[in-house]
Amino acid sequence: DDHQQRHGKHGKRMRHGKGMGQDTGDDNQPE
């Protein structure tokens, strides 16, 4: 689960804010 959150639902690395793990995108929004 941590890996998926870190890399996104499809294995892509997510963008992070100032703090590690702070997702700046919205997982509920379509690409």
PDB file of all heavy atoms in Angstrom:
ATOM      1  N   ASP A   1       0.833  -1.203   0.000  1.00  0.00           N
ATOM      2  CA  ASP A   1       0.000   0.000   0.000  1.00  0.00           C
ATOM      3  C   ASP A   1       0.870   1.257   0.000  1.00  0.00           C
ATOM      4  O   ASP A   1       0.553   2.228  -0.686  1.00  0.00           O
ATOM      5  CB  ASP A   1      -0.920   0.028   1.220  1.00  0.00           C
ATOM      6  CG  ASP A   1      -1.939  -1.113   1.207  1.00  0.00           C
ATOM      7  OD1 ASP A   1      -2.268  -1.603   0.110  1.00  0.00           O
ATOM      8  OD2 ASP A   1      -2.381  -1.516   2.300  1.00  0.00           O
ATOM      9  N   ASP A   2       1.942   1.243   0.762  1.00  0.00           N
ATOM     10  CA  ASP A   2       2.847   2.396   0.799  1.00  0.00           C
ATOM     11  C   ASP A   2       3.493   2.587  -0.561  1.00  0.00           C
ATOM     12  O   ASP A   2       3.638   3.708  -1.033  1.00  0.00           O
ATOM     13  CB  ASP A   2       3.925   2.202   1.872  1.00  0.00           C
ATOM     14  CG  ASP A   2       3.334   2.159   3.265  1.00  0.00           C
ATOM     15  OD1 ASP A   2       2.631   3.112   3.636  1.00  0.00           O
ATOM     16  OD2 ASP A   2       3.576   1.167   3.969  1.00  0.00           O
ATOM     17  N   HIS A   3       3.879   1.486  -1.199  1.00  0.00           N
ATOM     18  CA  HIS A   3       4.494   1.564  -2.530  1.00  0.00           C
ATOM     19  C   HIS A   3       3.502   2.153  -3.525  1.00  0.00           C
ATOM     20  O   HIS A   3       3.856   3.017  -4.322  1.00  0.00           O
ATOM     21  CB  HIS A   3       4.951   0.178  -2.979  1.00  0.00           C
ATOM     22  CG  HIS A   3       5.552   0.165  -4.341  1.00  0.00           C
ATOM     23  ND1 HIS A   3       6.835   0.600  -4.571  1.00  0.00           N
ATOM     24  CD2 HIS A   3       5.048  -0.203  -5.547  1.00  0.00           C
ATOM     25  CE1 HIS A   3       7.089   0.496  -5.871  1.00  0.00           C
ATOM     26  NE2 HIS A   3       6.015   0.011  -6.478  1.00  0.00           N
ATOM     27  N   GLN A   4       2.252   1.701  -3.479  1.00  0.00           N
ATOM     28  CA  GLN A   4       1.248   2.202  -4.402  1.00  0.00           C
ATOM     29  C   GLN A   4       0.976   3.685  -4.168  1.00  0.00           C
ATOM     30  O   GLN A   4       0.830   4.452  -5.112  1.00  0.00           O
ATOM     31  CB  GLN A   4      -0.044   1.396  -4.286  1.00  0.00           C
ATOM     32  CG  GLN A   4       0.088   0.018  -4.895  1.00  0.00           C
ATOM     33  CD  GLN A   4      -1.137  -0.841  -4.658  1.00  0.00           C
ATOM     34  OE1 GLN A   4      -1.936  -0.596  -3.769  1.00  0.00           O
ATOM     35  NE2 GLN A   4      -1.280  -1.888  -5.465  1.00  0.00           N
ATOM     36  N   GLN A   5       0.924   4.098  -2.900  1.00  0.00           N
ATOM     37  CA  GLN A   5       0.702   5.515  -2.615  1.00  0.00           C
ATOM     38  C   GLN A   5       1.885   6.345  -3.082  1.00  0.00           C
ATOM     39  O   GLN A   5       1.728   7.445  -3.579  1.00  0.00           O
ATOM     40  CB  GLN A   5       0.466   5.733  -1.124  1.00  0.00           C
ATOM     41  CG  GLN A   5      -0.914   5.310  -0.688  1.00  0.00           C
ATOM     42  CD  GLN A   5      -1.186   5.657   0.758  1.00  0.00           C
ATOM     43  OE1 GLN A   5      -0.477   6.444   1.367  1.00  0.00           O
ATOM     44  NE2 GLN A   5      -2.225   5.058   1.308  1.00  0.00           N
ATOM     45  N   ARG A   6       3.062   5.808  -2.933  1.00  0.00           N
ATOM     46  CA  ARG A   6       4.273   6.527  -3.311  1.00  0.00           C
ATOM     47  C   ARG A   6       4.396   6.649  -4.831  1.00  0.00           C
ATOM     48  O   ARG A   6       4.897   7.633  -5.350  1.00  0.00           O
ATOM     49  CB  ARG A   6       5.480   5.792  -2.736  1.00  0.00           C
ATOM     50  CG  ARG A   6       6.754   6.533  -2.807  1.00  0.00           C
ATOM     51  CD  ARG A   6       7.810   5.743  -2.033  1.00  0.00           C
ATOM     52  NE  ARG A   6       9.065   6.377  -2.165  1.00  0.00           N
ATOM     53  CZ  ARG A   6       9.556   7.258  -1.313  1.00  0.00           C
ATOM     54  NH1 ARG A   6       8.886   7.566  -0.242  1.00  0.00           N
ATOM     55  NH2 ARG A   6      10.720   7.813  -1.514  1.00  0.00           N
ATOM     56  N   HIS A   7       3.962   5.620  -5.541  1.00  0.00           N
ATOM     57  CA  HIS A   7       4.120   5.580  -6.990  1.00  0.00           C
ATOM     58  C   HIS A   7       2.805   5.735  -7.746  1.00  0.00           C
ATOM     59  O   HIS A   7       2.795   5.632  -8.965  1.00  0.00           O
ATOM     60  CB  HIS A   7       4.803   4.272  -7.412  1.00  0.00           C
ATOM     61  CG  HIS A   7       6.195   4.163  -6.904  1.00  0.00           C
ATOM     62  ND1 HIS A   7       7.245   4.798  -7.505  1.00  0.00           N
ATOM     63  CD2 HIS A   7       6.711   3.528  -5.827  1.00  0.00           C
ATOM     64  CE1 HIS A   7       8.359   4.550  -6.828  1.00  0.00           C
ATOM     65  NE2 HIS A   7       8.055   3.790  -5.809  1.00  0.00           N
ATOM     66  N   GLY A   8       1.718   5.937  -7.067  1.00  0.00           N
ATOM     67  CA  GLY A   8       0.427   6.085  -7.724  1.00  0.00           C
ATOM     68  C   GLY A   8      -0.195   4.742  -8.016  1.00  0.00           C
ATOM     69  O   GLY A   8       0.441   3.701  -7.913  1.00  0.00           O
ATOM     70  N   LYS A   9      -1.440   4.763  -8.377  1.00  0.00           N
ATOM     71  CA  LYS A   9      -2.200   3.527  -8.594  1.00  0.00           C
ATOM     72  C   LYS A   9      -1.676   2.719  -9.777  1.00  0.00           C
ATOM     73  O   LYS A   9      -1.870   1.529  -9.854  1.00  0.00           O
ATOM     74  CB  LYS A   9      -3.670   3.856  -8.806  1.00  0.00           C
ATOM     75  CG  LYS A   9      -4.324   4.394  -7.557  1.00  0.00           C
ATOM     76  CD  LYS A   9      -5.769   4.721  -7.800  1.00  0.00           C
ATOM     77  CE  LYS A   9      -6.373   5.310  -6.538  1.00  0.00           C
ATOM     78  NZ  LYS A   9      -7.771   5.678  -6.722  1.00  0.00           N
ATOM     79  N   HIS A  10      -1.029   3.375 -10.724  1.00  0.00           N
ATOM     80  CA  HIS A  10      -0.574   2.674 -11.928  1.00  0.00           C
ATOM     81  C   HIS A  10       0.938   2.542 -11.985  1.00  0.00           C
ATOM     82  O   HIS A  10       1.505   2.385 -13.053  1.00  0.00           O
ATOM     83  CB  HIS A  10      -1.086   3.415 -13.171  1.00  0.00           C
ATOM     84  CG  HIS A  10      -2.576   3.537 -13.171  1.00  0.00           C
ATOM     85  ND1 HIS A  10      -3.407   2.476 -13.393  1.00  0.00           N
ATOM     86  CD2 HIS A  10      -3.379   4.606 -12.933  1.00  0.00           C
ATOM     87  CE1 HIS A  10      -4.662   2.870 -13.310  1.00  0.00           C
ATOM     88  NE2 HIS A  10      -4.677   4.163 -13.035  1.00  0.00           N
ATOM     89  N   GLY A  11       1.601   2.646 -10.837  1.00  0.00           N
ATOM     90  CA  GLY A  11       3.043   2.460 -10.792  1.00  0.00           C
ATOM     91  C   GLY A  11       3.848   3.689 -11.154  1.00  0.00           C
ATOM     92  O   GLY A  11       5.059   3.650 -11.168  1.00  0.00           O
ATOM     93  N   LYS A  12       3.169   4.811 -11.453  1.00  0.00           N
ATOM     94  CA  LYS A  12       3.894   6.032 -11.792  1.00  0.00           C
ATOM     95  C   LYS A  12       4.247   6.765 -10.513  1.00  0.00           C
ATOM     96  O   LYS A  12       3.461   6.817  -9.572  1.00  0.00           O
ATOM     97  CB  LYS A  12       3.036   6.941 -12.672  1.00  0.00           C
ATOM     98  CG  LYS A  12       2.723   6.327 -14.019  1.00  0.00           C
ATOM     99  CD  LYS A  12       1.832   7.252 -14.807  1.00  0.00           C
ATOM    100  CE  LYS A  12       1.478   6.619 -16.144  1.00  0.00           C
ATOM    101  NZ  LYS A  12       0.514   7.428 -16.872  1.00  0.00           N
ATOM    102  N   ARG A  13       5.415   7.329 -10.473  1.00  0.00           N
ATOM    103  CA  ARG A  13       5.849   8.077  -9.302  1.00  0.00           C
ATOM    104  C   ARG A  13       5.003   9.341  -9.194  1.00  0.00           C
ATOM    105  O   ARG A  13       4.822  10.074 -10.148  1.00  0.00           O
ATOM    106  CB  ARG A  13       7.319   8.453  -9.427  1.00  0.00           C
ATOM    107  CG  ARG A  13       7.866   9.050  -8.158  1.00  0.00           C
ATOM    108  CD  ARG A  13       9.382   8.876  -8.150  1.00  0.00           C
ATOM    109  NE  ARG A  13       9.944   9.340  -6.928  1.00  0.00           N
ATOM    110  CZ  ARG A  13       9.982   8.618  -5.812  1.00  0.00           C
ATOM    111  NH1 ARG A  13       9.475   7.419  -5.779  1.00  0.00           N
ATOM    112  NH2 ARG A  13      10.528   9.101  -4.725  1.00  0.00           N
ATOM    113  N   MET A  14       4.496   9.589  -7.993  1.00  0.00           N
ATOM    114  CA  MET A  14       3.631  10.743  -7.777  1.00  0.00           C
ATOM    115  C   MET A  14       4.455  11.982  -7.475  1.00  0.00           C
ATOM    116  O   MET A  14       5.562  11.886  -6.979  1.00  0.00           O
ATOM    117  CB  MET A  14       2.673  10.456  -6.608  1.00  0.00           C
ATOM    118  CG  MET A  14       1.751   9.280  -6.892  1.00  0.00           C
ATOM    119  SD  MET A  14       0.782   8.833  -5.473  1.00  0.00           S
ATOM    120  CE  MET A  14      -0.364  10.174  -5.449  1.00  0.00           C
ATOM    121  N   ARG A  15       3.907  13.132  -7.751  1.00  0.00           N
ATOM    122  CA  ARG A  15       4.571  14.378  -7.402  1.00  0.00           C
ATOM    123  C   ARG A  15       4.410  14.609  -5.916  1.00  0.00           C
ATOM    124  O   ARG A  15       3.377  14.316  -5.338  1.00  0.00           O
ATOM    125  CB  ARG A  15       3.943  15.539  -8.159  1.00  0.00           C
ATOM    126  CG  ARG A  15       4.182  15.470  -9.627  1.00  0.00           C
ATOM    127  CD  ARG A  15       3.577  16.672 -10.290  1.00  0.00           C
ATOM    128  NE  ARG A  15       3.691  16.511 -11.729  1.00  0.00           N
ATOM    129  CZ  ARG A  15       2.960  17.167 -12.590  1.00  0.00           C
ATOM    130  NH1 ARG A  15       2.067  18.040 -12.175  1.00  0.00           N
ATOM    131  NH2 ARG A  15       3.112  16.968 -13.870  1.00  0.00           N
ATOM    132  N   HIS A  16       5.456  15.142  -5.323  1.00  0.00           N
ATOM    133  CA  HIS A  16       5.419  15.407  -3.892  1.00  0.00           C
ATOM    134  C   HIS A  16       5.607  16.887  -3.642  1.00  0.00           C
ATOM    135  O   HIS A  16       6.309  17.575  -4.371  1.00  0.00           O
ATOM    136  CB  HIS A  16       6.532  14.628  -3.174  1.00  0.00           C
ATOM    137  CG  HIS A  16       6.333  13.145  -3.288  1.00  0.00           C
ATOM    138  ND1 HIS A  16       5.415  12.475  -2.537  1.00  0.00           N
ATOM    139  CD2 HIS A  16       6.908  12.217  -4.094  1.00  0.00           C
ATOM    140  CE1 HIS A  16       5.440  11.192  -2.858  1.00  0.00           C
ATOM    141  NE2 HIS A  16       6.343  11.017  -3.792  1.00  0.00           N
ATOM    142  N   GLY A  17       4.983  17.367  -2.567  1.00  0.00           N
ATOM    143  CA  GLY A  17       5.136  18.747  -2.139  1.00  0.00           C
ATOM    144  C   GLY A  17       6.426  18.902  -1.378  1.00  0.00           C
ATOM    145  O   GLY A  17       7.372  18.150  -1.557  1.00  0.00           O
ATOM    146  N   LYS A  18       6.446  19.876  -0.468  1.00  0.00           N
ATOM    147  CA  LYS A  18       7.662  20.140   0.296  1.00  0.00           C
ATOM    148  C   LYS A  18       8.039  18.966   1.176  1.00  0.00           C
ATOM    149  O   LYS A  18       9.195  18.650   1.335  1.00  0.00           O
ATOM    150  CB  LYS A  18       7.483  21.398   1.147  1.00  0.00           C
ATOM    151  CG  LYS A  18       7.457  22.651   0.324  1.00  0.00           C
ATOM    152  CD  LYS A  18       7.325  23.859   1.209  1.00  0.00           C
ATOM    153  CE  LYS A  18       7.246  25.108   0.359  1.00  0.00           C
ATOM    154  NZ  LYS A  18       7.052  26.292   1.168  1.00  0.00           N
ATOM    155  N   GLY A  19       7.073  18.314   1.794  1.00  0.00           N
ATOM    156  CA  GLY A  19       7.361  17.179   2.660  1.00  0.00           C
ATOM    157  C   GLY A  19       7.248  15.883   1.891  1.00  0.00           C
ATOM    158  O   GLY A  19       6.407  15.747   1.011  1.00  0.00           O
ATOM    159  N   MET A  20       8.079  14.908   2.208  1.00  0.00           N
ATOM    160  CA  MET A  20       8.043  13.633   1.523  1.00  0.00           C
ATOM    161  C   MET A  20       6.684  12.989   1.765  1.00  0.00           C
ATOM    162  O   MET A  20       6.204  12.931   2.887  1.00  0.00           O
ATOM    163  CB  MET A  20       9.150  12.724   2.048  1.00  0.00           C
ATOM    164  CG  MET A  20       9.310  11.470   1.239  1.00  0.00           C
ATOM    165  SD  MET A  20      10.883  10.734   1.595  1.00  0.00           S
ATOM    166  CE  MET A  20      10.355   9.221   2.315  1.00  0.00           C
ATOM    167  N   GLY A  21       6.044  12.534   0.711  1.00  0.00           N
ATOM    168  CA  GLY A  21       4.774  11.863   0.853  1.00  0.00           C
ATOM    169  C   GLY A  21       3.584  12.784   0.712  1.00  0.00           C
ATOM    170  O   GLY A  21       2.451  12.349   0.802  1.00  0.00           O
ATOM    171  N   GLN A  22       3.800  14.053   0.512  1.00  0.00           N
ATOM    172  CA  GLN A  22       2.692  14.977   0.342  1.00  0.00           C
ATOM    173  C   GLN A  22       2.340  15.028  -1.132  1.00  0.00           C
ATOM    174  O   GLN A  22       3.025  15.640  -1.926  1.00  0.00           O
ATOM    175  CB  GLN A  22       3.052  16.376   0.844  1.00  0.00           C
ATOM    176  CG  GLN A  22       3.292  16.425   2.329  1.00  0.00           C
ATOM    177  CD  GLN A  22       3.726  17.804   2.758  1.00  0.00           C
ATOM    178  OE1 GLN A  22       3.963  18.692   1.951  1.00  0.00           O
ATOM    179  NE2 GLN A  22       3.845  17.984   4.052  1.00  0.00           N
ATOM    180  N   ASP A  23       1.247  14.382  -1.486  1.00  0.00           N
ATOM    181  CA  ASP A  23       0.812  14.323  -2.869  1.00  0.00           C
ATOM    182  C   ASP A  23       0.193  15.657  -3.254  1.00  0.00           C
ATOM    183  O   ASP A  23      -0.664  16.176  -2.552  1.00  0.00           O
ATOM    184  CB  ASP A  23      -0.204  13.190  -3.013  1.00  0.00           C
ATOM    185  CG  ASP A  23      -0.705  13.021  -4.427  1.00  0.00           C
ATOM    186  OD1 ASP A  23      -0.120  13.637  -5.332  1.00  0.00           O
ATOM    187  OD2 ASP A  23      -1.670  12.256  -4.611  1.00  0.00           O
ATOM    188  N   THR A  24       0.652  16.223  -4.343  1.00  0.00           N
ATOM    189  CA  THR A  24       0.104  17.499  -4.799  1.00  0.00           C
ATOM    190  C   THR A  24      -0.993  17.294  -5.826  1.00  0.00           C
ATOM    191  O   THR A  24      -1.648  18.239  -6.219  1.00  0.00           O
ATOM    192  CB  THR A  24       1.207  18.394  -5.405  1.00  0.00           C
ATOM    193  OG1 THR A  24       1.803  17.693  -6.482  1.00  0.00           O
ATOM    194  CG2 THR A  24       2.226  18.759  -4.350  1.00  0.00           C
ATOM    195  N   GLY A  25      -1.195  16.057  -6.249  1.00  0.00           N
ATOM    196  CA  GLY A  25      -2.256  15.767  -7.205  1.00  0.00           C
ATOM    197  C   GLY A  25      -3.473  15.235  -6.488  1.00  0.00           C
ATOM    198  O   GLY A  25      -3.501  15.078  -5.265  1.00  0.00           O
ATOM    199  N   ASP A  26      -4.534  14.946  -7.216  1.00  0.00           N
ATOM    200  CA  ASP A  26      -5.755  14.414  -6.645  1.00  0.00           C
ATOM    201  C   ASP A  26      -6.004  13.057  -7.265  1.00  0.00           C
ATOM    202  O   ASP A  26      -6.265  12.948  -8.458  1.00  0.00           O
ATOM    203  CB  ASP A  26      -6.912  15.387  -6.926  1.00  0.00           C
ATOM    204  CG  ASP A  26      -8.206  14.970  -6.244  1.00  0.00           C
ATOM    205  OD1 ASP A  26      -8.293  13.801  -5.784  1.00  0.00           O
ATOM    206  OD2 ASP A  26      -9.127  15.803  -6.178  1.00  0.00           O
ATOM    207  N   ASP A  27      -5.949  11.988  -6.436  1.00  0.00           N
ATOM    208  CA  ASP A  27      -6.125  10.634  -6.957  1.00  0.00           C
ATOM    209  C   ASP A  27      -7.509  10.402  -7.547  1.00  0.00           C
ATOM    210  O   ASP A  27      -7.710   9.500  -8.329  1.00  0.00           O
ATOM    211  CB  ASP A  27      -5.901   9.594  -5.847  1.00  0.00           C
ATOM    212  CG  ASP A  27      -4.430   9.422  -5.525  1.00  0.00           C
ATOM    213  OD1 ASP A  27      -3.584   9.861  -6.332  1.00  0.00           O
ATOM    214  OD2 ASP A  27      -4.134   8.844  -4.471  1.00  0.00           O
ATOM    215  N   ASN A  28      -8.488  11.205  -7.154  1.00  0.00           N
ATOM    216  CA  ASN A  28      -9.845  11.000  -7.637  1.00  0.00           C
ATOM    217  C   ASN A  28     -10.096  11.693  -8.968  1.00  0.00           C
ATOM    218  O   ASN A  28     -11.151  11.546  -9.554  1.00  0.00           O
ATOM    219  CB  ASN A  28     -10.852  11.493  -6.600  1.00  0.00           C
ATOM    220  CG  ASN A  28     -10.754  10.691  -5.318  1.00  0.00           C
ATOM    221  OD1 ASN A  28     -10.549   9.482  -5.366  1.00  0.00           O
ATOM    222  ND2 ASN A  28     -10.889  11.350  -4.185  1.00  0.00           N
ATOM    223  N   GLN A  29      -9.182  12.477  -9.426  1.00  0.00           N
ATOM    224  CA  GLN A  29      -9.345  13.192 -10.686  1.00  0.00           C
ATOM    225  C   GLN A  29      -8.818  12.326 -11.828  1.00  0.00           C
ATOM    226  O   GLN A  29      -7.758  11.722 -11.709  1.00  0.00           O
ATOM    227  CB  GLN A  29      -8.568  14.519 -10.671  1.00  0.00           C
ATOM    228  CG  GLN A  29      -9.082  15.501  -9.649  1.00  0.00           C
ATOM    229  CD  GLN A  29     -10.485  15.975  -9.979  1.00  0.00           C
ATOM    230  OE1 GLN A  29     -10.803  16.163 -11.143  1.00  0.00           O
ATOM    231  NE2 GLN A  29     -11.315  16.142  -8.966  1.00  0.00           N
ATOM    232  N   PRO A  30      -9.540  12.269 -12.933  1.00  0.00           N
ATOM    233  CA  PRO A  30      -9.021  11.502 -14.075  1.00  0.00           C
ATOM    234  C   PRO A  30      -7.794  12.187 -14.650  1.00  0.00           C
ATOM    235  O   PRO A  30      -7.631  13.395 -14.521  1.00  0.00           O
ATOM    236  CB  PRO A  30     -10.182  11.518 -15.071  1.00  0.00           C
ATOM    237  CG  PRO A  30     -11.009  12.708 -14.687  1.00  0.00           C
ATOM    238  CD  PRO A  30     -10.817  12.899 -13.197  1.00  0.00           C
ATOM    239  N   GLU A  31      -6.916  11.370 -15.247  1.00  0.00           N
ATOM    240  CA  GLU A  31      -5.731  11.920 -15.876  1.00  0.00           C
ATOM    241  C   GLU A  31      -6.136  12.739 -17.087  1.00  0.00           C
ATOM    242  O   GLU A  31      -7.127  12.430 -17.769  1.00  0.00           O
ATOM    243  CB  GLU A  31      -4.787  10.809 -16.312  1.00  0.00           C
ATOM    244  CG  GLU A  31      -4.131  10.099 -15.145  1.00  0.00           C
ATOM    245  CD  GLU A  31      -3.115   9.084 -15.613  1.00  0.00           C
ATOM    246  OE1 GLU A  31      -2.591   9.208 -16.726  1.00  0.00           O
ATOM    247  OE2 GLU A  31      -2.849   8.166 -14.835  1.00  0.00           O
TER     248      GLU A  31
END
